[in-house]
Amino acid sequence: MLKEIALFFRGINRKYFADYFAALLLAFIFFSWLQSSPTLPEPDSFYHAKMAVFLSDGQMLSQFPWLQEIGLAENFVDHHFLYHLILAPFVRWFDPLIGVKIATIIFASLAVLLIYWLFKKFEIKWPFLFMVILLASQPWLFRASLVKAPAVLLSFLLFAFYFVAHQKYKSLAFISFLAVWLYAGWPLLPALVILYILLVWFLEKIKDQDSIWFRIKGFLKIKKNKVVPWPGAMYCLGGIIAGLIINPYFPYNLNFYWQQTVKIALINYQNIIGVGGEWYPYGFINLITDASLVCALLVVSLLVFILTFKKQSVYSWFWGILAVLFFLLTLKSRRNVEFFIPFAVIFSAFAFSDCVKRLSFVKMKMLIGASGRAILGIIFLIISLSFLVQIPKDLTAAKRDINNGWPLDHYQEASYWLKENTPPGSIVFNADWDDFPFLFYYNSHNYYLLGLDPTFMYEKNQKRYQKYVDITLGKIGTNLKQIIKEEFKADYVFLDNQHAVLNNNLRLDPNFDLVYYDNEGKIYQVTD
């Protein structure tokens, strides 16, 4: 009887793809619940919403006068152009801030569905289990709930992997082209494609040679081999180059990507200037605590991989290298957790699946041994219990982090006051660079000094940047009118209520009048 019932549901599943629907529905419920808060977890969400509004109104910006001190006023590059274009219908159909929330739910849910689809395509054992483990990871749930492009880029990376693995080169070129338009993190895509190709070549060479350490000439010689997808590199790089050149921001995008990829992402001035919080390290203890289930799974998967490495596929090698690499990168910059978590889960899925598919139960018992089986049994029990405890814990933690985000009306009243009481294009000295997205969203009537990333101003003029910082910290308390009005060309100063020293300096200076205040911030006007 049970067998007939199982066969019936299996038939229903195959005919109607019920498991795909269940995967999508589960992810959609998770992310909808997380986004139900009347907050946005990061200031950049407001910037992305505003940029999408411009595009929905038919305005593609080539200049950006709203930031006077970052060098993009005349040669602006929207490095999220395709992402903002995808957001445009949502901000047109709904209130913009609600629209980007809905879009984020859809993008994150589709990324989960795509991972499940990938598992099915590669015949992974227990695909639904690994998908649920991904959804039980608080750091990834939080990052995937941000109004940002990386969740979409993750989908692009998964497509690129599938295309190169199945030698679908035209599709690979197309997704590479779109990645450049999507987001400045596009260098990840060609890096992953080339890594995969080199791994296939390397493993094929090992298989062909009696010893890797001998016959070096033969090992290094590249031969035509249908197994190694060499054309994939050409198609991928061709798509990348086309995306850079056939681009609404060419040629200014080339210099911008140098700044964004090299100076901000790789070099990173976190020890010199106050960059965004996501660029700072993720503490080792914090990481393994926040992502304990995934980290434990990664350790066990690495153990399984090592014990059965001769039976492991190139896919396990590929995702294993990426998982370890992005674990290390996450320790450098916490934002990389958005890739580390899914890469670790995908690696674990391939490693376990390769082990099960390529080794019989008897062989596995012989290979691991009695002590090994006991250890794995204990580890499996611990992970199972942790899994049951960790899911509600991680979900509530992610929900709490989003609840503690920024209210949708943050700085709305102050922005409206500026809009209604100041001349168009008048410059506001914003005392925090990360206040810009809120002010910009509610008020594009005024211009501001600094936003997006302080690295741009630092690169443009280090002395000027330091003077700006010293004013905001209250270290410069004299000649403020001369500096703010004549050097920075600002007629107004906006500061939140945390800048007590700066507020005191302005309050005591007869050249500044307090013209607006509320429980979020203050506005001073420079007197004539």
Protein backbone atom coordinates (compact mmCIF):
# COMPACT_ATOMS: atom_id res chain seq x y z
CA MET A 1 0.00 0.00 0.00
CA LEU A 2 2.69 2.48 0.99
CA LYS A 3 4.64 1.62 -2.14
CA GLU A 4 1.63 2.40 -4.34
CA ILE A 5 1.09 5.73 -2.55
CA ALA A 6 4.77 6.63 -2.98
CA LEU A 7 4.62 5.76 -6.69
CA PHE A 8 1.45 7.84 -7.08
CA PHE A 9 3.02 10.97 -5.56
CA ARG A 10 6.21 10.40 -7.52
CA GLY A 11 4.15 10.33 -10.72
CA ILE A 12 2.34 13.52 -9.73
CA ASN A 13 5.68 15.16 -9.00
CA ARG A 14 7.20 14.20 -12.34
CA LYS A 15 4.14 15.32 -14.27
CA TYR A 16 3.48 18.63 -12.55
CA PHE A 17 6.93 19.51 -11.13
CA ALA A 18 5.39 19.66 -7.68
CA ASP A 19 8.78 19.68 -5.96
CA TYR A 20 9.82 22.82 -7.87
CA PHE A 21 6.61 24.51 -6.85
CA ALA A 22 7.15 23.46 -3.23
CA ALA A 23 10.72 24.80 -3.27
CA LEU A 24 9.61 28.13 -4.72
CA LEU A 25 6.67 28.40 -2.34
CA LEU A 26 8.80 27.66 0.72
CA ALA A 27 11.40 30.26 -0.26
CA PHE A 28 8.68 32.79 -1.09
CA ILE A 29 7.05 32.30 2.32
CA PHE A 30 10.39 32.70 4.11
CA PHE A 31 11.38 35.90 2.33
CA SER A 32 7.87 37.39 2.40
CA TRP A 33 7.82 36.96 6.17
CA LEU A 34 11.23 38.60 6.47
CA GLN A 35 10.17 41.55 4.27
CA SER A 36 6.89 42.11 6.12
CA SER A 37 8.62 44.58 8.46
CA PRO A 38 8.03 48.31 7.77
CA THR A 39 11.79 48.79 7.52
CA LEU A 40 14.64 48.35 5.07
CA PRO A 41 17.82 46.78 6.46
CA GLU A 42 20.31 49.01 4.63
CA PRO A 43 20.47 52.66 3.49
CA ASP A 44 21.45 51.70 -0.07
CA SER A 45 17.93 50.31 -0.53
CA PHE A 46 16.64 53.88 -0.78
CA TYR A 47 19.25 54.75 -3.42
CA HIS A 48 18.34 51.72 -5.55
CA ALA A 49 14.64 52.57 -5.27
CA LYS A 50 15.27 56.14 -6.43
CA MET A 51 17.44 55.05 -9.36
CA ALA A 52 14.71 52.64 -10.43
CA VAL A 53 12.19 55.49 -10.24
CA PHE A 54 14.32 57.55 -12.64
CA LEU A 55 14.42 54.67 -15.12
CA SER A 56 10.70 54.02 -14.76
CA ASP A 57 10.18 57.68 -15.70
CA GLY A 58 12.35 57.23 -18.80
CA GLN A 59 15.43 58.97 -17.39
CA MET A 60 18.79 57.24 -17.83
CA LEU A 61 21.26 59.34 -15.90
CA SER A 62 24.60 60.22 -17.48
CA GLN A 63 25.31 62.94 -14.93
CA PHE A 64 24.91 62.82 -11.17
CA PRO A 65 25.04 66.32 -9.67
CA TRP A 66 23.51 65.09 -6.40
CA LEU A 67 26.98 64.18 -5.13
CA GLN A 68 29.34 67.10 -5.53
CA GLU A 69 32.50 65.61 -4.06
CA ILE A 70 32.92 62.13 -5.56
CA GLY A 71 33.95 62.89 -9.14
CA LEU A 72 30.83 61.39 -10.76
CA ALA A 73 28.88 64.59 -11.33
CA GLU A 74 29.66 64.74 -15.06
CA ASN A 75 30.78 61.19 -15.92
CA PHE A 76 28.32 59.13 -13.93
CA VAL A 77 28.30 55.34 -14.23
CA ASP A 78 25.31 53.37 -12.97
CA HIS A 79 27.09 50.12 -12.17
CA HIS A 80 23.73 48.55 -11.25
CA PHE A 81 22.08 49.57 -14.51
CA LEU A 82 20.40 46.26 -15.38
CA TYR A 83 19.42 45.71 -11.75
CA HIS A 84 17.73 49.11 -11.64
CA LEU A 85 16.08 48.36 -14.98
CA ILE A 86 14.63 45.13 -13.56
CA LEU A 87 13.41 47.05 -10.51
CA ALA A 88 11.72 49.72 -12.66
CA PRO A 89 8.39 47.88 -13.20
CA PHE A 90 8.06 47.20 -9.48
CA VAL A 91 8.52 50.86 -8.50
CA ARG A 92 6.07 51.82 -11.26
CA TRP A 93 3.34 49.39 -10.17
CA PHE A 94 3.73 49.88 -6.42
CA ASP A 95 4.96 52.48 -3.99
CA PRO A 96 8.72 52.46 -4.78
CA LEU A 97 9.87 51.24 -1.36
CA ILE A 98 7.20 48.54 -1.29
CA GLY A 99 8.04 47.69 -4.89
CA VAL A 100 11.71 47.01 -4.16
CA LYS A 101 10.68 44.81 -1.25
CA ILE A 102 8.44 42.74 -3.52
CA ALA A 103 11.20 42.53 -6.13
CA THR A 104 13.69 41.37 -3.49
CA ILE A 105 11.32 38.61 -2.37
CA ILE A 106 11.01 37.40 -5.96
CA PHE A 107 14.75 37.60 -6.74
CA ALA A 108 15.76 35.74 -3.57
CA SER A 109 13.08 33.08 -4.08
CA LEU A 110 14.15 32.55 -7.69
CA ALA A 111 17.78 32.18 -6.58
CA VAL A 112 16.72 29.39 -4.20
CA LEU A 113 14.63 27.77 -6.93
CA LEU A 114 17.58 27.95 -9.31
CA ILE A 115 19.83 26.18 -6.78
CA TYR A 116 17.20 23.46 -6.43
CA TRP A 117 16.95 23.22 -10.24
CA LEU A 118 20.73 22.86 -10.40
CA PHE A 119 20.62 20.04 -7.87
CA LYS A 120 18.01 18.23 -9.95
CA LYS A 121 19.90 18.74 -13.20
CA PHE A 122 23.05 17.22 -11.71
CA GLU A 123 21.08 14.44 -9.99
CA ILE A 124 22.04 15.46 -6.48
CA LYS A 125 20.84 13.17 -3.72
CA TRP A 126 18.41 14.76 -1.22
CA PRO A 127 18.17 18.12 -3.07
CA PHE A 128 15.31 19.43 -0.94
CA LEU A 129 17.27 18.84 2.27
CA PHE A 130 20.21 20.92 1.07
CA MET A 131 17.89 23.67 -0.09
CA VAL A 132 16.29 23.83 3.36
CA ILE A 133 19.75 24.02 4.95
CA LEU A 134 20.43 27.08 2.79
CA LEU A 135 17.18 28.65 3.98
CA ALA A 136 18.18 27.97 7.59
CA SER A 137 21.28 30.18 7.43
CA GLN A 138 20.76 33.55 9.11
CA PRO A 139 23.65 35.44 7.43
CA TRP A 140 22.49 34.42 3.96
CA LEU A 141 18.82 35.07 4.70
CA PHE A 142 19.74 38.59 5.78
CA ARG A 143 22.01 39.31 2.80
CA ALA A 144 19.50 37.86 0.34
CA SER A 145 16.84 40.14 1.86
CA LEU A 146 18.80 43.29 1.07
CA VAL A 147 17.72 45.44 -1.86
CA LYS A 148 20.94 44.67 -3.68
CA ALA A 149 22.11 42.97 -6.87
CA PRO A 150 24.24 40.09 -5.46
CA ALA A 151 21.22 37.77 -5.09
CA VAL A 152 20.58 38.26 -8.81
CA LEU A 153 24.29 37.89 -9.57
CA LEU A 154 24.26 34.56 -7.71
CA SER A 155 21.65 33.35 -10.20
CA PHE A 156 23.85 34.54 -13.06
CA LEU A 157 26.82 32.63 -11.63
CA LEU A 158 24.77 29.45 -11.34
CA PHE A 159 23.61 29.80 -14.93
CA ALA A 160 27.20 30.39 -16.07
CA PHE A 161 28.33 27.22 -14.26
CA TYR A 162 25.56 25.20 -15.89
CA PHE A 163 26.32 26.62 -19.34
CA VAL A 164 30.07 25.98 -19.20
CA ALA A 165 29.59 22.51 -17.69
CA HIS A 166 27.19 21.59 -20.50
CA GLN A 167 29.21 23.47 -23.15
CA LYS A 168 26.35 25.81 -24.03
CA TYR A 169 28.70 28.53 -25.18
CA LYS A 170 26.30 31.01 -26.78
CA SER A 171 24.20 31.06 -23.64
CA LEU A 172 27.39 31.54 -21.61
CA ALA A 173 28.37 34.53 -23.75
CA PHE A 174 24.90 36.04 -23.31
CA ILE A 175 24.81 35.66 -19.53
CA SER A 176 28.36 37.10 -19.36
CA PHE A 177 27.22 40.14 -21.34
CA LEU A 178 24.25 40.70 -19.04
CA ALA A 179 26.40 40.30 -15.90
CA VAL A 180 28.43 43.40 -16.83
CA TRP A 181 25.25 45.45 -17.14
CA LEU A 182 23.82 43.98 -13.93
CA TYR A 183 26.36 44.85 -11.27
CA ALA A 184 30.01 45.78 -10.72
CA GLY A 185 30.64 42.35 -9.19
CA TRP A 186 30.68 40.86 -12.71
CA PRO A 187 34.43 39.88 -12.54
CA LEU A 188 33.33 36.93 -10.40
CA LEU A 189 31.66 35.32 -13.41
CA PRO A 190 34.69 35.00 -15.72
CA ALA A 191 36.84 34.05 -12.71
CA LEU A 192 34.49 31.15 -11.91
CA VAL A 193 34.27 30.04 -15.54
CA ILE A 194 38.05 30.02 -15.98
CA LEU A 195 38.51 28.20 -12.67
CA TYR A 196 36.11 25.48 -13.81
CA ILE A 197 37.85 25.08 -17.19
CA LEU A 198 41.30 24.85 -15.58
CA LEU A 199 40.01 22.29 -13.08
CA VAL A 200 38.60 20.10 -15.85
CA TRP A 201 41.92 20.33 -17.72
CA PHE A 202 43.92 19.62 -14.57
CA LEU A 203 41.89 16.58 -13.57
CA GLU A 204 41.96 15.22 -17.13
CA LYS A 205 45.75 15.56 -17.16
CA ILE A 206 46.07 13.70 -13.87
CA LYS A 207 43.88 10.95 -15.23
CA ASP A 208 45.98 10.66 -18.43
CA GLN A 209 49.41 10.65 -16.77
CA ASP A 210 50.93 7.86 -14.70
CA SER A 211 52.31 10.48 -12.35
CA ILE A 212 51.65 14.19 -12.13
CA TRP A 213 55.22 14.81 -11.03
CA PHE A 214 56.79 13.24 -14.11
CA ARG A 215 56.39 13.84 -17.83
CA ILE A 216 55.99 17.56 -17.12
CA LYS A 217 56.19 18.41 -20.79
CA GLY A 218 53.19 16.24 -21.55
CA PHE A 219 51.34 17.58 -18.53
CA LEU A 220 51.69 21.22 -19.53
CA LYS A 221 50.96 20.66 -23.20
CA ILE A 222 47.45 21.73 -24.14
CA LYS A 223 45.75 19.40 -26.59
CA LYS A 224 42.37 19.52 -28.20
CA ASN A 225 40.04 17.71 -25.87
CA LYS A 226 36.27 17.66 -26.14
CA VAL A 227 36.01 17.09 -22.40
CA VAL A 228 37.80 20.35 -21.54
CA PRO A 229 35.50 23.27 -22.45
CA TRP A 230 38.26 25.58 -23.72
CA PRO A 231 35.88 27.54 -25.99
CA GLY A 232 33.97 28.52 -22.86
CA ALA A 233 36.74 30.92 -21.87
CA MET A 234 36.61 32.64 -25.25
CA TYR A 235 32.82 32.94 -25.25
CA CYS A 236 32.73 34.16 -21.66
CA LEU A 237 35.44 36.78 -22.13
CA GLY A 238 33.85 37.78 -25.43
CA GLY A 239 30.56 38.40 -23.66
CA ILE A 240 32.32 40.37 -20.93
CA ILE A 241 34.18 42.57 -23.43
CA ALA A 242 30.99 43.14 -25.41
CA GLY A 243 29.18 44.11 -22.20
CA LEU A 244 31.88 46.65 -21.38
CA ILE A 245 31.95 48.23 -24.84
CA ILE A 246 28.29 47.95 -25.88
CA ASN A 247 27.38 49.86 -22.77
CA PRO A 248 25.52 53.13 -22.19
CA TYR A 249 28.38 54.29 -19.95
CA PHE A 250 31.35 53.39 -22.13
CA PRO A 251 34.19 54.45 -21.88
CA TYR A 252 33.77 56.00 -18.41
CA ASN A 253 32.75 52.61 -17.01
CA LEU A 254 36.30 51.29 -17.47
CA ASN A 255 37.81 53.72 -14.97
CA PHE A 256 34.85 53.27 -12.65
CA TYR A 257 35.26 49.49 -12.56
CA TRP A 258 38.94 49.97 -11.77
CA GLN A 259 37.97 52.03 -8.73
CA GLN A 260 35.10 49.77 -7.69
CA THR A 261 36.80 46.40 -8.21
CA VAL A 262 40.40 47.16 -7.32
CA LYS A 263 40.42 50.14 -4.98
CA ILE A 264 37.17 49.50 -3.11
CA ALA A 265 36.76 45.70 -3.24
CA LEU A 266 40.37 44.45 -3.30
CA ILE A 267 42.56 47.17 -1.76
CA ASN A 268 39.85 48.65 0.46
CA TYR A 269 40.77 51.64 2.64
CA GLN A 270 38.98 50.34 5.75
CA ASN A 271 42.04 51.07 7.91
CA ILE A 272 42.21 54.67 6.66
CA ILE A 273 38.64 55.85 6.13
CA GLY A 274 35.23 54.81 7.43
CA VAL A 275 33.88 52.57 4.67
CA GLY A 276 30.58 50.68 4.71
CA GLY A 277 30.14 48.07 7.44
CA GLU A 278 29.92 45.21 4.93
CA TRP A 279 33.55 45.79 3.90
CA TYR A 280 34.92 45.07 7.38
CA PRO A 281 36.03 41.57 8.44
CA TYR A 282 33.62 38.93 9.65
CA GLY A 283 35.18 37.64 12.88
CA PHE A 284 36.03 33.93 12.75
CA ILE A 285 34.09 33.11 15.93
CA ASN A 286 31.16 35.26 14.83
CA LEU A 287 31.04 33.56 11.44
CA ILE A 288 31.04 30.00 12.74
CA THR A 289 28.49 31.02 15.38
CA ASP A 290 26.15 32.85 13.00
CA ALA A 291 26.44 30.15 10.32
CA SER A 292 27.08 27.20 12.60
CA LEU A 293 24.98 24.70 10.65
CA VAL A 294 26.58 25.50 7.30
CA CYS A 295 30.09 25.62 8.77
CA ALA A 296 29.58 22.23 10.45
CA LEU A 297 28.21 20.83 7.20
CA LEU A 298 31.22 22.22 5.34
CA VAL A 299 33.66 20.51 7.73
CA VAL A 300 31.88 17.17 7.39
CA SER A 301 31.69 17.58 3.61
CA LEU A 302 35.40 18.29 3.40
CA LEU A 303 36.04 15.15 5.45
CA VAL A 304 33.85 13.10 3.10
CA PHE A 305 35.55 14.70 0.11
CA ILE A 306 39.04 13.86 1.41
CA LEU A 307 38.12 10.27 2.25
CA THR A 308 36.58 9.70 -1.19
CA PHE A 309 38.47 12.22 -3.33
CA LYS A 310 39.20 9.68 -6.07
CA LYS A 311 35.47 9.24 -6.55
CA GLN A 312 34.64 12.94 -6.42
CA SER A 313 33.59 14.72 -9.62
CA VAL A 314 35.03 17.92 -11.02
CA TYR A 315 31.89 19.64 -9.74
CA SER A 316 32.78 18.79 -6.14
CA TRP A 317 36.32 20.05 -6.68
CA PHE A 318 35.02 23.26 -8.21
CA TRP A 319 32.47 24.10 -5.53
CA GLY A 320 34.81 22.94 -2.76
CA ILE A 321 37.51 25.37 -3.86
CA LEU A 322 34.94 28.17 -4.08
CA ALA A 323 33.52 27.36 -0.64
CA VAL A 324 36.94 27.45 1.05
CA LEU A 325 38.03 30.53 -0.90
CA PHE A 326 34.90 32.51 -0.04
CA PHE A 327 35.13 31.42 3.58
CA LEU A 328 38.53 33.13 3.68
CA LEU A 329 37.22 36.14 1.74
CA THR A 330 34.36 36.46 4.23
CA LEU A 331 36.91 36.74 7.03
CA LYS A 332 38.30 39.72 5.09
CA SER A 333 34.97 41.37 4.16
CA ARG A 334 31.71 40.22 5.70
CA ARG A 335 29.70 40.92 2.54
CA ASN A 336 31.24 37.82 0.93
CA VAL A 337 29.05 35.66 3.18
CA GLU A 338 26.33 36.09 0.55
CA PHE A 339 28.38 33.80 -1.71
CA PHE A 340 30.15 31.67 0.89
CA ILE A 341 26.91 30.22 2.31
CA PRO A 342 25.35 29.04 -0.98
CA PHE A 343 28.73 27.85 -2.33
CA ALA A 344 29.31 25.79 0.82
CA VAL A 345 25.84 24.23 0.61
CA ILE A 346 26.27 23.43 -3.10
CA PHE A 347 29.68 21.87 -2.43
CA SER A 348 28.24 19.75 0.36
CA ALA A 349 25.45 18.57 -1.91
CA PHE A 350 27.89 17.50 -4.64
CA ALA A 351 30.38 15.92 -2.21
CA PHE A 352 27.78 13.78 -0.45
CA SER A 353 26.03 12.92 -3.68
CA ASP A 354 29.26 11.83 -5.39
CA CYS A 355 30.11 9.72 -2.37
CA VAL A 356 26.73 7.98 -2.35
CA LYS A 357 26.44 7.55 -6.12
CA ARG A 358 29.94 6.23 -6.77
CA LEU A 359 30.46 4.02 -3.74
CA SER A 360 28.31 1.12 -2.67
CA PHE A 361 27.28 0.89 0.97
CA VAL A 362 29.68 -2.02 1.54
CA LYS A 363 32.60 -0.10 0.02
CA MET A 364 31.82 2.94 2.13
CA LYS A 365 31.85 0.82 5.28
CA MET A 366 35.22 -0.67 4.33
CA LEU A 367 36.68 2.71 3.37
CA ILE A 368 35.60 4.58 6.45
CA GLY A 369 36.11 1.79 8.96
CA ALA A 370 34.35 1.18 12.25
CA SER A 371 35.86 4.17 14.04
CA GLY A 372 35.15 6.43 11.09
CA ARG A 373 31.53 5.29 10.98
CA ALA A 374 31.17 5.98 14.67
CA ILE A 375 32.62 9.46 14.29
CA LEU A 376 30.42 10.24 11.27
CA GLY A 377 27.39 8.88 13.13
CA ILE A 378 28.04 11.19 16.07
CA ILE A 379 28.62 14.14 13.76
CA PHE A 380 25.45 13.35 11.83
CA LEU A 381 23.45 13.18 15.07
CA ILE A 382 24.86 16.52 16.24
CA ILE A 383 24.09 18.16 12.89
CA SER A 384 20.55 16.73 12.88
CA LEU A 385 19.82 18.08 16.35
CA SER A 386 21.45 21.40 15.50
CA PHE A 387 19.37 21.57 12.36
CA LEU A 388 16.12 21.30 14.32
CA VAL A 389 17.24 23.94 16.82
CA GLN A 390 18.94 26.24 14.34
CA ILE A 391 16.11 26.81 11.85
CA PRO A 392 13.81 28.82 14.17
CA LYS A 393 16.82 30.51 15.75
CA ASP A 394 18.23 31.70 12.42
CA LEU A 395 14.85 32.76 11.10
CA THR A 396 14.10 34.88 14.16
CA ALA A 397 17.63 36.35 14.10
CA ALA A 398 17.27 37.37 10.45
CA LYS A 399 13.83 38.81 11.18
CA ARG A 400 15.21 40.76 14.14
CA ASP A 401 18.04 42.21 12.04
CA ILE A 402 15.59 43.40 9.40
CA ASN A 403 13.20 44.78 12.03
CA ASN A 404 16.10 46.81 13.41
CA GLY A 405 16.65 48.39 10.01
CA TRP A 406 15.66 51.84 8.81
CA PRO A 407 12.01 52.98 8.86
CA LEU A 408 10.59 53.62 5.40
CA ASP A 409 10.01 57.28 6.31
CA HIS A 410 13.53 57.87 7.67
CA TYR A 411 14.48 61.57 7.18
CA GLN A 412 11.29 62.10 5.18
CA GLU A 413 10.17 65.22 7.04
CA ALA A 414 13.62 66.85 6.98
CA SER A 415 13.95 66.07 3.27
CA TYR A 416 10.55 67.62 2.55
CA TRP A 417 11.49 70.74 4.49
CA LEU A 418 14.62 71.16 2.36
CA LYS A 419 12.64 70.56 -0.79
CA GLU A 420 10.03 73.18 0.07
CA ASN A 421 12.25 75.86 1.63
CA THR A 422 15.50 75.91 -0.37
CA PRO A 423 16.40 76.90 -3.95
CA PRO A 424 16.74 74.10 -6.55
CA GLY A 425 20.27 72.74 -6.71
CA SER A 426 21.36 74.31 -3.43
CA ILE A 427 24.03 72.19 -1.77
CA VAL A 428 23.52 70.46 1.57
CA PHE A 429 26.55 69.56 3.68
CA ASN A 430 25.47 66.10 4.88
CA ALA A 431 27.47 65.17 7.97
CA ASP A 432 27.29 61.40 7.29
CA TRP A 433 27.99 59.93 3.88
CA ASP A 434 25.49 57.11 4.50
CA ASP A 435 22.67 59.62 5.14
CA PHE A 436 22.68 60.40 1.43
CA PRO A 437 20.39 57.55 0.21
CA PHE A 438 17.52 58.65 2.48
CA LEU A 439 17.88 62.33 1.56
CA PHE A 440 18.25 61.54 -2.14
CA TYR A 441 15.19 59.29 -2.20
CA TYR A 442 12.86 61.87 -0.68
CA ASN A 443 14.54 64.97 -2.08
CA SER A 444 16.38 65.15 -5.42
CA HIS A 445 15.66 68.89 -5.39
CA ASN A 446 18.90 69.54 -3.48
CA TYR A 447 22.49 68.44 -4.05
CA TYR A 448 24.70 66.84 -1.42
CA LEU A 449 28.42 66.37 -0.79
CA LEU A 450 29.15 62.71 -0.24
CA GLY A 451 27.45 59.34 -0.58
CA LEU A 452 27.59 55.81 -2.02
CA ASP A 453 31.14 55.18 -0.78
CA PRO A 454 33.64 57.59 0.86
CA THR A 455 36.45 56.03 -1.20
CA PHE A 456 35.38 58.13 -4.19
CA MET A 457 35.93 61.41 -2.34
CA TYR A 458 39.12 60.10 -0.73
CA GLU A 459 40.51 59.16 -4.14
CA LYS A 460 39.54 62.52 -5.62
CA ASN A 461 41.12 64.70 -2.91
CA GLN A 462 42.49 63.20 0.30
CA LYS A 463 43.09 66.54 2.05
CA ARG A 464 39.59 67.75 1.24
CA TYR A 465 38.13 64.47 2.48
CA GLN A 466 40.04 64.74 5.76
CA LYS A 467 38.80 68.30 6.23
CA TYR A 468 35.24 67.09 5.71
CA VAL A 469 35.71 64.33 8.30
CA ASP A 470 37.30 66.71 10.82
CA ILE A 471 34.31 69.05 10.53
CA THR A 472 31.79 66.24 11.04
CA LEU A 473 33.69 64.97 14.09
CA GLY A 474 33.89 68.45 15.57
CA LYS A 475 37.69 68.63 15.35
CA ILE A 476 37.41 71.83 13.31
CA GLY A 477 35.29 74.35 15.19
CA THR A 478 36.45 77.67 13.79
CA ASN A 479 36.00 79.34 10.39
CA LEU A 480 33.20 76.90 9.66
CA LYS A 481 31.33 79.36 7.45
CA GLN A 482 34.40 79.94 5.29
CA ILE A 483 35.02 76.22 4.85
CA ILE A 484 31.42 75.05 4.41
CA LYS A 485 30.17 78.00 2.35
CA GLU A 486 33.21 78.98 0.32
CA GLU A 487 35.15 75.73 -0.04
CA PHE A 488 32.31 73.20 -0.16
CA LYS A 489 29.77 75.65 -1.66
CA ALA A 490 27.09 74.47 0.76
CA ASP A 491 24.27 76.67 2.05
CA TYR A 492 22.82 74.16 4.49
CA VAL A 493 24.12 71.56 6.93
CA PHE A 494 22.19 68.39 7.72
CA LEU A 495 23.24 66.24 10.66
CA ASP A 496 21.65 63.49 12.70
CA ASN A 497 21.32 63.68 16.46
CA GLN A 498 24.49 61.67 17.06
CA HIS A 499 26.81 64.49 15.95
CA ALA A 500 26.73 66.25 19.32
CA VAL A 501 30.09 68.06 18.98
CA LEU A 502 29.36 69.33 15.46
CA ASN A 503 25.90 70.41 16.57
CA ASN A 504 27.41 72.34 19.47
CA ASN A 505 29.93 74.03 17.15
CA LEU A 506 27.17 75.13 14.77
CA ARG A 507 24.84 76.20 17.60
CA LEU A 508 27.48 78.49 19.08
CA ASP A 509 28.54 79.92 15.72
CA PRO A 510 26.58 83.12 14.85
CA ASN A 511 27.02 82.35 11.13
CA PHE A 512 24.63 79.38 11.34
CA ASP A 513 20.90 79.39 12.11
CA LEU A 514 18.98 76.31 13.22
CA VAL A 515 16.05 76.27 10.78
CA TYR A 516 14.68 72.75 11.30
CA TYR A 517 14.89 69.95 13.83
CA ASP A 518 13.02 66.79 14.75
CA ASN A 519 13.80 63.56 16.59
CA GLU A 520 15.97 62.34 13.68
CA GLY A 521 18.13 65.31 12.75
CA LYS A 522 18.76 69.03 12.39
CA ILE A 523 19.23 71.49 9.54
CA TYR A 524 21.38 74.61 9.87
CA GLN A 525 21.45 77.42 7.32
CA VAL A 526 24.58 79.43 6.61
CA THR A 527 23.75 83.11 7.17
CA ASP A 528 24.65 85.76 4.62
